[in-house]
């Protein structure tokens, strides 16, 4: 299962989100969401989170909730470098 999320153009581009999450140890892929008119077609406007990598490591529902809360925290504080540091 994968989750595709369209980034908010008012907040950042998918590249910014990918880099910020990477600093926190969360790997995502940038993707272009078809028919979304927020960016030029060659600029990724979404991120993809895949569950196989975490489920194969034994993560369950509670760990997924924790990952989701970290993703939300990083994205909503995209410019805050303290939040992006690995802890």
C-alpha atoms as a PDB file:
ATOM      1  CA  UNK A   1       0.000   0.000   0.000  1.00  0.00           C
ATOM      2  CA  UNK A   2       1.198   3.504  -0.763  1.00  0.00           C
ATOM      3  CA  UNK A   3      -0.088   6.904   0.208  1.00  0.00           C
ATOM      4  CA  UNK A   4       0.191   9.757  -2.249  1.00  0.00           C
ATOM      5  CA  UNK A   5      -0.088  13.218  -0.749  1.00  0.00           C
ATOM      6  CA  UNK A   6      -0.280  16.440  -2.713  1.00  0.00           C
ATOM      7  CA  UNK A   7       1.950  19.072  -1.177  1.00  0.00           C
ATOM      8  CA  UNK A   8       0.477  22.465  -0.426  1.00  0.00           C
ATOM      9  CA  UNK A   9       1.975  24.978  -2.873  1.00  0.00           C
ATOM     10  CA  UNK A  10       1.678  27.667  -0.195  1.00  0.00           C
ATOM     11  CA  UNK A  11       3.947  25.641   2.101  1.00  0.00           C
ATOM     12  CA  UNK A  12       6.536  24.050  -0.161  1.00  0.00           C
ATOM     13  CA  UNK A  13       7.375  21.922  -3.161  1.00  0.00           C
ATOM     14  CA  UNK A  14       7.661  18.153  -2.897  1.00  0.00           C
ATOM     15  CA  UNK A  15      11.453  18.454  -3.073  1.00  0.00           C
ATOM     16  CA  UNK A  16      11.478  20.595   0.084  1.00  0.00           C
ATOM     17  CA  UNK A  17       9.252  18.087   1.876  1.00  0.00           C
ATOM     18  CA  UNK A  18      11.375  15.141   0.719  1.00  0.00           C
ATOM     19  CA  UNK A  19      14.580  16.803   1.960  1.00  0.00           C
ATOM     20  CA  UNK A  20      13.080  17.851   5.308  1.00  0.00           C
ATOM     21  CA  UNK A  21      11.703  14.366   5.994  1.00  0.00           C
ATOM     22  CA  UNK A  22      15.003  12.796   4.972  1.00  0.00           C
ATOM     23  CA  UNK A  23      16.759  14.835   7.673  1.00  0.00           C
ATOM     24  CA  UNK A  24      14.371  13.209  10.159  1.00  0.00           C
ATOM     25  CA  UNK A  25      15.167   9.742   8.792  1.00  0.00           C
ATOM     26  CA  UNK A  26      11.914   9.342   6.868  1.00  0.00           C
ATOM     27  CA  UNK A  27      12.362   8.389   3.225  1.00  0.00           C
ATOM     28  CA  UNK A  28       9.672   9.394   0.725  1.00  0.00           C
ATOM     29  CA  UNK A  29       9.531   9.669  -3.043  1.00  0.00           C
ATOM     30  CA  UNK A  30       8.521  12.748  -4.980  1.00  0.00           C
ATOM     31  CA  UNK A  31       5.723  12.138  -7.470  1.00  0.00           C
ATOM     32  CA  UNK A  32       3.717  14.189  -9.902  1.00  0.00           C
ATOM     33  CA  UNK A  33       0.000  13.951  -9.237  1.00  0.00           C
ATOM     34  CA  UNK A  34      -1.883  13.861 -12.541  1.00  0.00           C
ATOM     35  CA  UNK A  35      -4.355  16.643 -13.247  1.00  0.00           C
ATOM     36  CA  UNK A  36      -3.254  18.733 -10.279  1.00  0.00           C
ATOM     37  CA  UNK A  37      -2.829  22.263 -11.569  1.00  0.00           C
ATOM     38  CA  UNK A  38      -0.674  23.590  -8.743  1.00  0.00           C
ATOM     39  CA  UNK A  39       2.714  23.211 -10.466  1.00  0.00           C
ATOM     40  CA  UNK A  40       4.225  22.737 -13.871  1.00  0.00           C
ATOM     41  CA  UNK A  41       4.048  19.082 -14.970  1.00  0.00           C
ATOM     42  CA  UNK A  42       7.805  18.584 -14.622  1.00  0.00           C
ATOM     43  CA  UNK A  43       7.802  19.717 -10.969  1.00  0.00           C
ATOM     44  CA  UNK A  44       6.745  17.039  -8.496  1.00  0.00           C
ATOM     45  CA  UNK A  45       3.761  18.171  -6.483  1.00  0.00           C
ATOM     46  CA  UNK A  46       3.282  15.177  -4.213  1.00  0.00           C
ATOM     47  CA  UNK A  47       5.084  12.685  -2.039  1.00  0.00           C
ATOM     48  CA  UNK A  48       4.609   8.926  -1.832  1.00  0.00           C
ATOM     49  CA  UNK A  49       4.917   6.962   1.379  1.00  0.00           C
ATOM     50  CA  UNK A  50       5.101   3.203   1.018  1.00  0.00           C
ATOM     51  CA  UNK A  51       4.166   0.784   3.780  1.00  0.00           C
ATOM     52  CA  UNK A  52       6.150  -2.311   2.650  1.00  0.00           C
ATOM     53  CA  UNK A  53       9.428  -0.945   4.028  1.00  0.00           C
ATOM     54  CA  UNK A  54       8.024  -0.464   7.516  1.00  0.00           C
ATOM     55  CA  UNK A  55       5.791  -3.523   7.685  1.00  0.00           C
ATOM     56  CA  UNK A  56       8.697  -5.749   6.655  1.00  0.00           C
ATOM     57  CA  UNK A  57      10.537  -4.378   9.697  1.00  0.00           C
ATOM     58  CA  UNK A  58       7.692  -5.409  11.998  1.00  0.00           C
ATOM     59  CA  UNK A  59       6.052  -2.011  12.426  1.00  0.00           C
ATOM     60  CA  UNK A  60       2.367  -2.073  13.305  1.00  0.00           C
ATOM     61  CA  UNK A  61      -0.482   0.401  13.607  1.00  0.00           C
ATOM     62  CA  UNK A  62       0.980   2.283  16.574  1.00  0.00           C
ATOM     63  CA  UNK A  63       4.346   2.783  14.873  1.00  0.00           C
ATOM     64  CA  UNK A  64       2.565   3.944  11.708  1.00  0.00           C
ATOM     65  CA  UNK A  65       0.663   6.524  13.768  1.00  0.00           C
ATOM     66  CA  UNK A  66       3.973   7.757  15.198  1.00  0.00           C
ATOM     67  CA  UNK A  67       5.495   8.023  11.710  1.00  0.00           C
ATOM     68  CA  UNK A  68       2.392   9.912  10.504  1.00  0.00           C
ATOM     69  CA  UNK A  69       2.651  12.373  13.392  1.00  0.00           C
ATOM     70  CA  UNK A  70       6.327  12.976  12.591  1.00  0.00           C
ATOM     71  CA  UNK A  71       5.503  13.578   8.916  1.00  0.00           C
ATOM     72  CA  UNK A  72       2.800  16.097   9.845  1.00  0.00           C
ATOM     73  CA  UNK A  73       5.107  17.820  12.356  1.00  0.00           C
ATOM     74  CA  UNK A  74       7.931  18.189   9.825  1.00  0.00           C
ATOM     75  CA  UNK A  75       5.690  19.356   6.957  1.00  0.00           C
ATOM     76  CA  UNK A  76       3.809  21.923   9.051  1.00  0.00           C
ATOM     77  CA  UNK A  77       7.122  23.266  10.388  1.00  0.00           C
ATOM     78  CA  UNK A  78       9.039  22.989   7.113  1.00  0.00           C
ATOM     79  CA  UNK A  79      11.318  25.949   7.813  1.00  0.00           C
ATOM     80  CA  UNK A  80      12.207  24.978  11.390  1.00  0.00           C
ATOM     81  CA  UNK A  81      15.600  23.247  11.292  1.00  0.00           C
ATOM     82  CA  UNK A  82      15.325  22.194  14.963  1.00  0.00           C
ATOM     83  CA  UNK A  83      12.282  20.064  14.126  1.00  0.00           C
ATOM     84  CA  UNK A  84      14.099  18.473  11.191  1.00  0.00           C
ATOM     85  CA  UNK A  85      17.065  17.265  13.246  1.00  0.00           C
ATOM     86  CA  UNK A  86      17.125  13.526  13.882  1.00  0.00           C
ATOM     87  CA  UNK A  87      16.217  12.762  17.476  1.00  0.00           C
END
